[in-house]
Amino acid sequence: MEFCTYGEIYSLVERKLFAGGPEGYYSRDDRLCFFKQLLRGVDYLHSHGIAHRDIKLENLLLSKEGHLKISDFGVAEVFSGEHPGLRASGGECGKNMRHIRLSAPGICGSLPYIAPEVLQKDHSYDPRPLDIWSTAIVYLTMTFGGCPWQAAKPEFEYYARFKKGWDQWLQAHPDGQIFDGPDGHPKCGKLFSLIEPPSIKRLMLKMLHPIPSQRITIRDVLKTTCIKNIGCCCPESYEEPKITFDASKASSARTAAPKKYLHHHVPPKPENKVGKAFTHRFDMGER
């Protein structure tokens, strides 16, 4: 793997570079671009039969070009197709993908990012919805400066509040399908009421659906209008023509060819002082 000059996304959140107001450095467009890059990475993995199972800020690195890279595949699983270590695969992932292999019960990953069905530890699970859940937690953590709860367990207040909102909404909407409109999604506390725009809020809730079989898939996430409309500076394919559209300049010429957005994600140099240690925030549901 290439050397990633700017290290973990975790360190950028720790330095409050995603904070709102004058204290922050990255804009909402930057944050959404990072999110779309992560979604594309997860889609690539799932389309090749791989589930990461430990997506978190610490495992997302920033290259010298400002592109996000997924790292640390220590607990990743090949959930479909030939294992790349077998001769039949030819050393490649995604060969002969037919059936989904479930992951054995047990916890893997970091508690604030783990989906509730994994924390139950009482049944095998499809690892793909786990990656979807963790990816949504990454976005919330970048947006609000900390994880929304310590773990997706009912004994933790802020998750209990989130789950209560879902339970109440599911009683009136047993099909579990989120839709546009004032009653089209569960009310899960202040954190979710602050997410803008509303389309991203609905997407977060779809990605955090407590019933894993009803959680949105990565391919369907990428098909949503709100994600398709995000200008992403990282090419979807590295074989695309290198035509650049500088998103920081309103006067940039437009072209009918596929555009590559330039968001200047390179972070500023850190100040030479010792700051307070970053801690996950668990007070996101107040008020």
C-alpha atoms as a PDB file:
ATOM      1  CA  MET A   1       0.000   0.000   0.000  1.00  0.00           C
ATOM      2  CA  GLU A   2       1.211   3.494  -0.782  1.00  0.00           C
ATOM      3  CA  PHE A   3       2.418   5.796   1.992  1.00  0.00           C
ATOM      4  CA  CYS A   4      -0.397   8.108   3.120  1.00  0.00           C
ATOM      5  CA  THR A   5       1.275  11.385   3.964  1.00  0.00           C
ATOM      6  CA  TYR A   6      -1.439  12.890   6.142  1.00  0.00           C
ATOM      7  CA  GLY A   7      -2.214   9.880   8.293  1.00  0.00           C
ATOM      8  CA  GLU A   8      -5.548   8.961   9.825  1.00  0.00           C
ATOM      9  CA  ILE A   9      -8.797  10.863   9.357  1.00  0.00           C
ATOM     10  CA  TYR A  10      -9.089  10.344  13.123  1.00  0.00           C
ATOM     11  CA  SER A  11      -6.238  12.807  13.675  1.00  0.00           C
ATOM     12  CA  LEU A  12      -7.999  15.438  11.546  1.00  0.00           C
ATOM     13  CA  VAL A  13     -11.157  15.102  13.650  1.00  0.00           C
ATOM     14  CA  GLU A  14      -8.977  15.233  16.767  1.00  0.00           C
ATOM     15  CA  ARG A  15      -7.556  18.555  15.559  1.00  0.00           C
ATOM     16  CA  LYS A  16     -11.139  19.822  15.091  1.00  0.00           C
ATOM     17  CA  LEU A  17     -10.587  20.430  11.374  1.00  0.00           C
ATOM     18  CA  PHE A  18     -14.149  19.277  10.675  1.00  0.00           C
ATOM     19  CA  ALA A  19     -15.660  21.593  13.300  1.00  0.00           C
ATOM     20  CA  GLY A  20     -18.253  24.128  12.200  1.00  0.00           C
ATOM     21  CA  GLY A  21     -17.658  27.874  12.350  1.00  0.00           C
ATOM     22  CA  PRO A  22     -14.304  29.689  12.325  1.00  0.00           C
ATOM     23  CA  GLU A  23     -12.641  26.922  14.344  1.00  0.00           C
ATOM     24  CA  GLY A  24     -13.008  24.416  11.526  1.00  0.00           C
ATOM     25  CA  TYR A  25     -10.997  23.983   8.341  1.00  0.00           C
ATOM     26  CA  TYR A  26     -12.983  21.589   6.147  1.00  0.00           C
ATOM     27  CA  SER A  27     -16.306  22.613   4.637  1.00  0.00           C
ATOM     28  CA  ARG A  28     -19.427  20.477   4.372  1.00  0.00           C
ATOM     29  CA  ASP A  29     -18.508  19.835   0.734  1.00  0.00           C
ATOM     30  CA  ASP A  30     -15.143  18.467   1.888  1.00  0.00           C
ATOM     31  CA  ARG A  31     -16.830  16.207   4.427  1.00  0.00           C
ATOM     32  CA  LEU A  32     -19.317  14.934   1.849  1.00  0.00           C
ATOM     33  CA  CYS A  33     -16.498  14.277  -0.602  1.00  0.00           C
ATOM     34  CA  PHE A  34     -14.665  12.179   1.996  1.00  0.00           C
ATOM     35  CA  PHE A  35     -17.915  10.335   2.667  1.00  0.00           C
ATOM     36  CA  LYS A  36     -18.487   9.593  -1.014  1.00  0.00           C
ATOM     37  CA  GLN A  37     -14.913   8.349  -1.362  1.00  0.00           C
ATOM     38  CA  LEU A  38     -15.527   5.973   1.547  1.00  0.00           C
ATOM     39  CA  LEU A  39     -18.802   4.777   0.027  1.00  0.00           C
ATOM     40  CA  ARG A  40     -17.082   4.032  -3.271  1.00  0.00           C
ATOM     41  CA  GLY A  41     -14.365   2.119  -1.432  1.00  0.00           C
ATOM     42  CA  VAL A  42     -16.894   0.004   0.453  1.00  0.00           C
ATOM     43  CA  ASP A  43     -18.791  -0.621  -2.787  1.00  0.00           C
ATOM     44  CA  TYR A  44     -15.589  -1.841  -4.433  1.00  0.00           C
ATOM     45  CA  LEU A  45     -14.951  -4.240  -1.554  1.00  0.00           C
ATOM     46  CA  HIS A  46     -18.502  -5.600  -1.481  1.00  0.00           C
ATOM     47  CA  SER A  47     -18.553  -6.022  -5.258  1.00  0.00           C
ATOM     48  CA  HIS A  48     -15.458  -8.225  -4.884  1.00  0.00           C
ATOM     49  CA  GLY A  49     -16.901 -10.322  -2.067  1.00  0.00           C
ATOM     50  CA  ILE A  50     -15.017  -8.626   0.780  1.00  0.00           C
ATOM     51  CA  ALA A  51     -16.426  -7.096   3.970  1.00  0.00           C
ATOM     52  CA  HIS A  52     -14.020  -4.930   5.982  1.00  0.00           C
ATOM     53  CA  ARG A  53     -15.805  -5.293   9.359  1.00  0.00           C
ATOM     54  CA  ASP A  54     -13.735  -2.594  11.104  1.00  0.00           C
ATOM     55  CA  ILE A  55     -14.493   0.677   9.346  1.00  0.00           C
ATOM     56  CA  LYS A  56     -13.647   3.582  11.647  1.00  0.00           C
ATOM     57  CA  LEU A  57     -11.792   6.901  11.533  1.00  0.00           C
ATOM     58  CA  GLU A  58      -8.537   5.269  12.632  1.00  0.00           C
ATOM     59  CA  ASN A  59      -8.596   2.956   9.596  1.00  0.00           C
ATOM     60  CA  LEU A  60      -9.133   5.719   7.038  1.00  0.00           C
ATOM     61  CA  LEU A  61      -5.967   7.366   5.749  1.00  0.00           C
ATOM     62  CA  LEU A  62      -5.380  10.513   3.672  1.00  0.00           C
ATOM     63  CA  SER A  63      -2.930  10.407   0.770  1.00  0.00           C
ATOM     64  CA  LYS A  64      -0.768  13.273  -0.446  1.00  0.00           C
ATOM     65  CA  GLU A  65      -3.400  13.964  -3.148  1.00  0.00           C
ATOM     66  CA  GLY A  66      -6.103  14.311  -0.497  1.00  0.00           C
ATOM     67  CA  HIS A  67      -7.684  10.964  -1.346  1.00  0.00           C
ATOM     68  CA  LEU A  68      -9.112   8.683   1.317  1.00  0.00           C
ATOM     69  CA  LYS A  69      -7.725   5.149   1.638  1.00  0.00           C
ATOM     70  CA  ILE A  70      -9.244   2.267   3.608  1.00  0.00           C
ATOM     71  CA  SER A  71      -6.645   0.387   5.672  1.00  0.00           C
ATOM     72  CA  ASP A  72      -6.264  -2.446   8.217  1.00  0.00           C
ATOM     73  CA  PHE A  73      -7.964  -5.530   6.815  1.00  0.00           C
ATOM     74  CA  GLY A  74      -7.089  -7.640   9.849  1.00  0.00           C
ATOM     75  CA  VAL A  75     -10.678  -8.768  10.511  1.00  0.00           C
ATOM     76  CA  ALA A  76     -11.951  -8.542   6.923  1.00  0.00           C
ATOM     77  CA  GLU A  77     -13.842 -11.543   5.552  1.00  0.00           C
ATOM     78  CA  VAL A  78     -14.401 -12.940   2.082  1.00  0.00           C
ATOM     79  CA  PHE A  79     -18.173 -13.383   2.220  1.00  0.00           C
ATOM     80  CA  SER A  80     -18.662 -14.542  -1.364  1.00  0.00           C
ATOM     81  CA  GLY A  81     -16.607 -16.156  -4.089  1.00  0.00           C
ATOM     82  CA  GLU A  82     -13.298 -17.959  -3.942  1.00  0.00           C
ATOM     83  CA  HIS A  83     -10.878 -16.958  -1.216  1.00  0.00           C
ATOM     84  CA  PRO A  84      -7.876 -15.227  -2.872  1.00  0.00           C
ATOM     85  CA  GLY A  85      -5.582 -17.681  -1.089  1.00  0.00           C
ATOM     86  CA  LEU A  86      -7.057 -20.612  -2.997  1.00  0.00           C
ATOM     87  CA  ARG A  87      -5.651 -21.710  -6.350  1.00  0.00           C
ATOM     88  CA  ALA A  88      -9.093 -21.519  -7.985  1.00  0.00           C
ATOM     89  CA  SER A  89      -9.176 -17.755  -7.432  1.00  0.00           C
ATOM     90  CA  GLY A  90      -5.980 -17.071  -9.325  1.00  0.00           C
ATOM     91  CA  GLY A  91      -5.009 -14.754  -6.477  1.00  0.00           C
ATOM     92  CA  GLU A  92      -7.968 -12.460  -7.128  1.00  0.00           C
ATOM     93  CA  CYS A  93     -11.073 -11.582  -5.137  1.00  0.00           C
ATOM     94  CA  GLY A  94     -14.549 -11.693  -6.623  1.00  0.00           C
ATOM     95  CA  LYS A  95     -14.158 -14.957  -8.539  1.00  0.00           C
ATOM     96  CA  ASN A  96     -17.208 -17.267  -8.678  1.00  0.00           C
ATOM     97  CA  MET A  97     -19.401 -15.108  -6.455  1.00  0.00           C
ATOM     98  CA  ARG A  98     -22.703 -16.919  -5.946  1.00  0.00           C
ATOM     99  CA  HIS A  99     -23.705 -17.362  -2.324  1.00  0.00           C
ATOM    100  CA  ILE A 100     -23.300 -15.168   0.757  1.00  0.00           C
ATOM    101  CA  ARG A 101     -21.323 -16.696   3.613  1.00  0.00           C
ATOM    102  CA  LEU A 102     -22.378 -15.416   7.025  1.00  0.00           C
ATOM    103  CA  SER A 103     -19.881 -14.356   9.672  1.00  0.00           C
ATOM    104  CA  ALA A 104     -19.707 -16.377  12.875  1.00  0.00           C
ATOM    105  CA  PRO A 105     -21.112 -14.805  16.068  1.00  0.00           C
ATOM    106  CA  GLY A 106     -18.660 -12.639  17.958  1.00  0.00           C
ATOM    107  CA  ILE A 107     -17.497  -9.058  18.201  1.00  0.00           C
ATOM    108  CA  CYS A 108     -14.979  -7.603  15.797  1.00  0.00           C
ATOM    109  CA  GLY A 109     -14.120  -3.959  15.317  1.00  0.00           C
ATOM    110  CA  SER A 110     -14.444  -0.993  17.680  1.00  0.00           C
ATOM    111  CA  LEU A 111     -17.487  -0.694  19.942  1.00  0.00           C
ATOM    112  CA  PRO A 112     -18.849   2.739  18.889  1.00  0.00           C
ATOM    113  CA  TYR A 113     -18.890   1.633  15.225  1.00  0.00           C
ATOM    114  CA  ILE A 114     -20.323  -1.882  15.587  1.00  0.00           C
ATOM    115  CA  ALA A 115     -23.876  -2.648  14.457  1.00  0.00           C
ATOM    116  CA  PRO A 116     -26.345  -3.945  17.073  1.00  0.00           C
ATOM    117  CA  GLU A 117     -26.828  -7.368  15.461  1.00  0.00           C
ATOM    118  CA  VAL A 118     -23.090  -8.033  15.847  1.00  0.00           C
ATOM    119  CA  LEU A 119     -23.051  -6.917  19.477  1.00  0.00           C
ATOM    120  CA  GLN A 120     -25.780  -9.435  20.289  1.00  0.00           C
ATOM    121  CA  LYS A 121     -23.269 -12.256  19.677  1.00  0.00           C
ATOM    122  CA  ASP A 122     -26.045 -14.859  19.495  1.00  0.00           C
ATOM    123  CA  HIS A 123     -26.301 -15.578  15.768  1.00  0.00           C
ATOM    124  CA  SER A 124     -24.374 -15.514  12.514  1.00  0.00           C
ATOM    125  CA  TYR A 125     -24.692 -12.311  10.506  1.00  0.00           C
ATOM    126  CA  ASP A 126     -24.261 -10.892   7.030  1.00  0.00           C
ATOM    127  CA  PRO A 127     -21.137  -8.675   7.295  1.00  0.00           C
ATOM    128  CA  ARG A 128     -22.222  -6.234   4.586  1.00  0.00           C
ATOM    129  CA  PRO A 129     -24.833  -4.388   6.717  1.00  0.00           C
ATOM    130  CA  LEU A 130     -22.155  -4.061   9.417  1.00  0.00           C
ATOM    131  CA  ASP A 131     -19.983  -2.081   6.983  1.00  0.00           C
ATOM    132  CA  ILE A 132     -22.973   0.103   6.081  1.00  0.00           C
ATOM    133  CA  TRP A 133     -23.658   0.870   9.753  1.00  0.00           C
ATOM    134  CA  SER A 134     -19.993   1.669  10.469  1.00  0.00           C
ATOM    135  CA  THR A 135     -19.751   3.958   7.439  1.00  0.00           C
ATOM    136  CA  ALA A 136     -22.720   5.994   8.690  1.00  0.00           C
ATOM    137  CA  ILE A 137     -21.106   6.284  12.138  1.00  0.00           C
ATOM    138  CA  VAL A 138     -17.939   7.590  10.454  1.00  0.00           C
ATOM    139  CA  TYR A 139     -19.952  10.347   8.761  1.00  0.00           C
ATOM    140  CA  LEU A 140     -21.691  11.322  12.004  1.00  0.00           C
ATOM    141  CA  THR A 141     -18.373  11.382  13.852  1.00  0.00           C
ATOM    142  CA  MET A 142     -16.792  13.643  11.235  1.00  0.00           C
ATOM    143  CA  THR A 143     -19.850  15.900  11.318  1.00  0.00           C
ATOM    144  CA  PHE A 144     -20.281  16.253  15.070  1.00  0.00           C
ATOM    145  CA  GLY A 145     -16.779  15.648  16.406  1.00  0.00           C
ATOM    146  CA  GLY A 146     -17.552  12.402  18.210  1.00  0.00           C
ATOM    147  CA  CYS A 147     -19.441   9.133  18.065  1.00  0.00           C
ATOM    148  CA  PRO A 148     -23.163   9.362  18.873  1.00  0.00           C
ATOM    149  CA  TRP A 149     -23.027   6.588  21.499  1.00  0.00           C
ATOM    150  CA  GLN A 150     -20.575   4.348  23.329  1.00  0.00           C
ATOM    151  CA  ALA A 151     -22.070   1.226  21.786  1.00  0.00           C
ATOM    152  CA  ALA A 152     -25.298   0.217  20.054  1.00  0.00           C
ATOM    153  CA  LYS A 153     -26.676  -1.395  23.197  1.00  0.00           C
ATOM    154  CA  PRO A 154     -29.875  -0.450  25.074  1.00  0.00           C
ATOM    155  CA  GLU A 155     -27.991   0.140  28.341  1.00  0.00           C
ATOM    156  CA  PHE A 156     -26.358   3.218  26.813  1.00  0.00           C
ATOM    157  CA  GLU A 157     -28.651   6.248  27.045  1.00  0.00           C
ATOM    158  CA  TYR A 158     -28.095   7.817  23.655  1.00  0.00           C
ATOM    159  CA  TYR A 159     -28.449   4.596  21.719  1.00  0.00           C
ATOM    160  CA  ALA A 160     -31.548   3.754  23.794  1.00  0.00           C
ATOM    161  CA  ARG A 161     -33.028   7.098  22.730  1.00  0.00           C
ATOM    162  CA  PHE A 162     -32.203   6.371  19.096  1.00  0.00           C
ATOM    163  CA  LYS A 163     -33.717   2.879  19.307  1.00  0.00           C
ATOM    164  CA  LYS A 164     -36.851   4.189  21.035  1.00  0.00           C
ATOM    165  CA  GLY A 165     -37.424   6.582  18.134  1.00  0.00           C
ATOM    166  CA  TRP A 166     -37.146   3.690  15.702  1.00  0.00           C
ATOM    167  CA  ASP A 167     -39.416   1.409  17.739  1.00  0.00           C
ATOM    168  CA  GLN A 168     -42.152   4.043  17.920  1.00  0.00           C
ATOM    169  CA  TRP A 169     -41.932   4.805  14.211  1.00  0.00           C
ATOM    170  CA  LEU A 170     -41.939   1.127  13.220  1.00  0.00           C
ATOM    171  CA  GLN A 171     -45.193   0.602  15.096  1.00  0.00           C
ATOM    172  CA  ALA A 172     -46.866   3.040  12.702  1.00  0.00           C
ATOM    173  CA  HIS A 173     -44.774   1.989   9.672  1.00  0.00           C
ATOM    174  CA  PRO A 174     -44.229  -1.776   9.977  1.00  0.00           C
ATOM    175  CA  ASP A 175     -42.734  -2.008   6.492  1.00  0.00           C
ATOM    176  CA  GLY A 176     -39.771   0.006   7.811  1.00  0.00           C
ATOM    177  CA  GLN A 177     -39.389   2.017   4.600  1.00  0.00           C
ATOM    178  CA  ILE A 178     -38.243   5.623   5.071  1.00  0.00           C
ATOM    179  CA  PHE A 179     -39.860   8.170   2.742  1.00  0.00           C
ATOM    180  CA  ASP A 180     -40.080  11.938   2.182  1.00  0.00           C
ATOM    181  CA  GLY A 181     -42.454  13.861   4.407  1.00  0.00           C
ATOM    182  CA  PRO A 182     -42.816  14.950   8.042  1.00  0.00           C
ATOM    183  CA  ASP A 183     -43.612  11.425   9.251  1.00  0.00           C
ATOM    184  CA  GLY A 184     -41.404   9.658   6.756  1.00  0.00           C
ATOM    185  CA  HIS A 185     -38.641   8.771   9.193  1.00  0.00           C
ATOM    186  CA  PRO A 186     -38.161   8.105  12.922  1.00  0.00           C
ATOM    187  CA  LYS A 187     -37.393  10.920  15.349  1.00  0.00           C
ATOM    188  CA  CYS A 188     -34.199   9.820  17.054  1.00  0.00           C
ATOM    189  CA  GLY A 189     -33.042  12.787  19.136  1.00  0.00           C
ATOM    190  CA  LYS A 190     -31.345  16.120  18.602  1.00  0.00           C
ATOM    191  CA  LEU A 191     -28.327  14.708  16.792  1.00  0.00           C
ATOM    192  CA  PHE A 192     -30.399  13.521  13.850  1.00  0.00           C
ATOM    193  CA  SER A 193     -32.524  16.671  13.789  1.00  0.00           C
ATOM    194  CA  LEU A 194     -29.315  18.659  13.186  1.00  0.00           C
ATOM    195  CA  ILE A 195     -28.212  16.704  10.118  1.00  0.00           C
ATOM    196  CA  GLU A 196     -28.455  18.761   6.943  1.00  0.00           C
ATOM    197  CA  PRO A 197     -29.658  18.527   4.275  1.00  0.00           C
ATOM    198  CA  PRO A 198     -32.767  16.412   5.013  1.00  0.00           C
ATOM    199  CA  SER A 199     -31.850  13.965   2.248  1.00  0.00           C
ATOM    200  CA  ILE A 200     -28.592  13.122   4.043  1.00  0.00           C
ATOM    201  CA  LYS A 201     -30.487  12.739   7.323  1.00  0.00           C
ATOM    202  CA  ARG A 202     -32.838  10.220   5.719  1.00  0.00           C
ATOM    203  CA  LEU A 203     -29.872   8.400   4.226  1.00  0.00           C
ATOM    204  CA  MET A 204     -28.165   8.181   7.625  1.00  0.00           C
ATOM    205  CA  LEU A 205     -31.293   6.617   9.087  1.00  0.00           C
ATOM    206  CA  LYS A 206     -31.497   4.128   6.217  1.00  0.00           C
ATOM    207  CA  MET A 207     -27.872   3.181   6.849  1.00  0.00           C
ATOM    208  CA  LEU A 208     -28.572   2.853  10.584  1.00  0.00           C
ATOM    209  CA  HIS A 209     -31.753   0.823  10.262  1.00  0.00           C
ATOM    210  CA  PRO A 210     -31.851  -1.418  13.363  1.00  0.00           C
ATOM    211  CA  ILE A 211     -33.109  -4.351  11.275  1.00  0.00           C
ATOM    212  CA  PRO A 212     -30.069  -5.405   9.213  1.00  0.00           C
ATOM    213  CA  SER A 213     -32.118  -7.048   6.456  1.00  0.00           C
ATOM    214  CA  GLN A 214     -33.827  -3.681   5.849  1.00  0.00           C
ATOM    215  CA  ARG A 215     -30.636  -1.617   6.010  1.00  0.00           C
ATOM    216  CA  ILE A 216     -29.842   0.014   2.690  1.00  0.00           C
ATOM    217  CA  THR A 217     -27.145  -1.674   0.573  1.00  0.00           C
ATOM    218  CA  ILE A 218     -23.994   0.114  -0.507  1.00  0.00           C
ATOM    219  CA  ARG A 219     -25.043  -0.009  -4.154  1.00  0.00           C
ATOM    220  CA  ASP A 220     -28.396   1.601  -3.338  1.00  0.00           C
ATOM    221  CA  VAL A 221     -26.643   4.260  -1.249  1.00  0.00           C
ATOM    222  CA  LEU A 222     -24.606   5.259  -4.293  1.00  0.00           C
ATOM    223  CA  LYS A 223     -27.768   5.395  -6.395  1.00  0.00           C
ATOM    224  CA  THR A 224     -29.455   7.980  -4.153  1.00  0.00           C
ATOM    225  CA  THR A 225     -29.770  11.451  -5.646  1.00  0.00           C
ATOM    226  CA  CYS A 226     -28.080  13.126  -2.686  1.00  0.00           C
ATOM    227  CA  ILE A 227     -24.949  10.993  -3.103  1.00  0.00           C
ATOM    228  CA  LYS A 228     -24.870  11.203  -6.899  1.00  0.00           C
ATOM    229  CA  ASN A 229     -24.980  14.999  -6.594  1.00  0.00           C
ATOM    230  CA  ILE A 230     -21.897  15.154  -4.356  1.00  0.00           C
ATOM    231  CA  GLY A 231     -18.889  16.499  -6.245  1.00  0.00           C
ATOM    232  CA  CYS A 232     -16.080  14.045  -5.539  1.00  0.00           C
ATOM    233  CA  CYS A 233     -12.443  14.897  -6.235  1.00  0.00           C
ATOM    234  CA  CYS A 234     -11.367  11.246  -6.293  1.00  0.00           C
ATOM    235  CA  PRO A 235     -12.100   9.548  -9.645  1.00  0.00           C
ATOM    236  CA  GLU A 236     -14.573   6.701  -9.579  1.00  0.00           C
ATOM    237  CA  SER A 237     -12.141   4.837 -11.789  1.00  0.00           C
ATOM    238  CA  TYR A 238      -8.451   5.602 -12.172  1.00  0.00           C
ATOM    239  CA  GLU A 239      -8.875   4.947 -15.876  1.00  0.00           C
ATOM    240  CA  GLU A 240     -11.071   8.043 -16.268  1.00  0.00           C
ATOM    241  CA  PRO A 241      -9.746  10.969 -18.342  1.00  0.00           C
ATOM    242  CA  LYS A 242      -7.883  13.447 -16.146  1.00  0.00           C
ATOM    243  CA  ILE A 243     -10.142  16.448 -16.700  1.00  0.00           C
ATOM    244  CA  THR A 244     -10.162  18.642 -13.623  1.00  0.00           C
ATOM    245  CA  PHE A 245     -12.899  20.951 -12.366  1.00  0.00           C
ATOM    246  CA  ASP A 246     -11.657  23.120  -9.494  1.00  0.00           C
ATOM    247  CA  ALA A 247     -14.630  23.258  -7.095  1.00  0.00           C
ATOM    248  CA  SER A 248     -13.029  26.151  -5.218  1.00  0.00           C
ATOM    249  CA  LYS A 249     -13.336  28.505  -8.217  1.00  0.00           C
ATOM    250  CA  ALA A 250     -16.772  29.560  -9.405  1.00  0.00           C
ATOM    251  CA  SER A 251     -15.355  30.701 -12.751  1.00  0.00           C
ATOM    252  CA  SER A 252     -13.917  27.302 -13.685  1.00  0.00           C
ATOM    253  CA  ALA A 253     -14.798  26.238 -17.219  1.00  0.00           C
ATOM    254  CA  ARG A 254     -17.231  23.362 -17.511  1.00  0.00           C
ATOM    255  CA  THR A 255     -16.942  20.486 -19.924  1.00  0.00           C
ATOM    256  CA  ALA A 256     -19.275  17.788 -21.162  1.00  0.00           C
ATOM    257  CA  ALA A 257     -16.642  15.139 -20.376  1.00  0.00           C
ATOM    258  CA  PRO A 258     -16.557  13.512 -16.903  1.00  0.00           C
ATOM    259  CA  LYS A 259     -15.281  16.047 -14.369  1.00  0.00           C
ATOM    260  CA  LYS A 260     -12.775  15.512 -11.617  1.00  0.00           C
ATOM    261  CA  TYR A 261     -13.393  17.871  -8.704  1.00  0.00           C
ATOM    262  CA  LEU A 262     -10.518  19.434  -6.800  1.00  0.00           C
ATOM    263  CA  HIS A 263     -11.367  20.141  -3.177  1.00  0.00           C
ATOM    264  CA  HIS A 264      -7.933  20.857  -1.677  1.00  0.00           C
ATOM    265  CA  HIS A 265      -8.285  18.331   1.155  1.00  0.00           C
ATOM    266  CA  VAL A 266      -4.645  18.688   2.186  1.00  0.00           C
ATOM    267  CA  PRO A 267      -4.791  19.670   5.883  1.00  0.00           C
ATOM    268  CA  PRO A 268      -2.833  22.555   7.409  1.00  0.00           C
ATOM    269  CA  LYS A 269       0.298  21.759   9.365  1.00  0.00           C
ATOM    270  CA  PRO A 270      -0.467  21.066  13.034  1.00  0.00           C
ATOM    271  CA  GLU A 271       0.498  23.680  15.578  1.00  0.00           C
ATOM    272  CA  ASN A 272       3.487  22.871  17.759  1.00  0.00           C
ATOM    273  CA  LYS A 273       1.561  22.417  20.955  1.00  0.00           C
ATOM    274  CA  VAL A 274       0.198  19.503  22.895  1.00  0.00           C
ATOM    275  CA  GLY A 275      -3.605  19.500  22.775  1.00  0.00           C
ATOM    276  CA  LYS A 276      -6.108  17.628  24.833  1.00  0.00           C
ATOM    277  CA  ALA A 277      -6.508  13.992  23.939  1.00  0.00           C
ATOM    278  CA  PHE A 278      -9.388  13.335  21.576  1.00  0.00           C
ATOM    279  CA  THR A 279     -12.265  11.540  23.250  1.00  0.00           C
ATOM    280  CA  HIS A 280     -15.380  10.151  21.650  1.00  0.00           C
ATOM    281  CA  ARG A 281     -18.367  12.311  22.495  1.00  0.00           C
ATOM    282  CA  PHE A 282     -21.413  10.585  23.853  1.00  0.00           C
ATOM    283  CA  ASP A 283     -23.552  13.653  24.553  1.00  0.00           C
ATOM    284  CA  MET A 284     -24.908  14.101  21.038  1.00  0.00           C
ATOM    285  CA  GLY A 285     -28.523  13.379  21.924  1.00  0.00           C
ATOM    286  CA  GLU A 286     -29.086  16.086  24.510  1.00  0.00           C
ATOM    287  CA  ARG A 287     -32.063  18.426  24.331  1.00  0.00           C
END
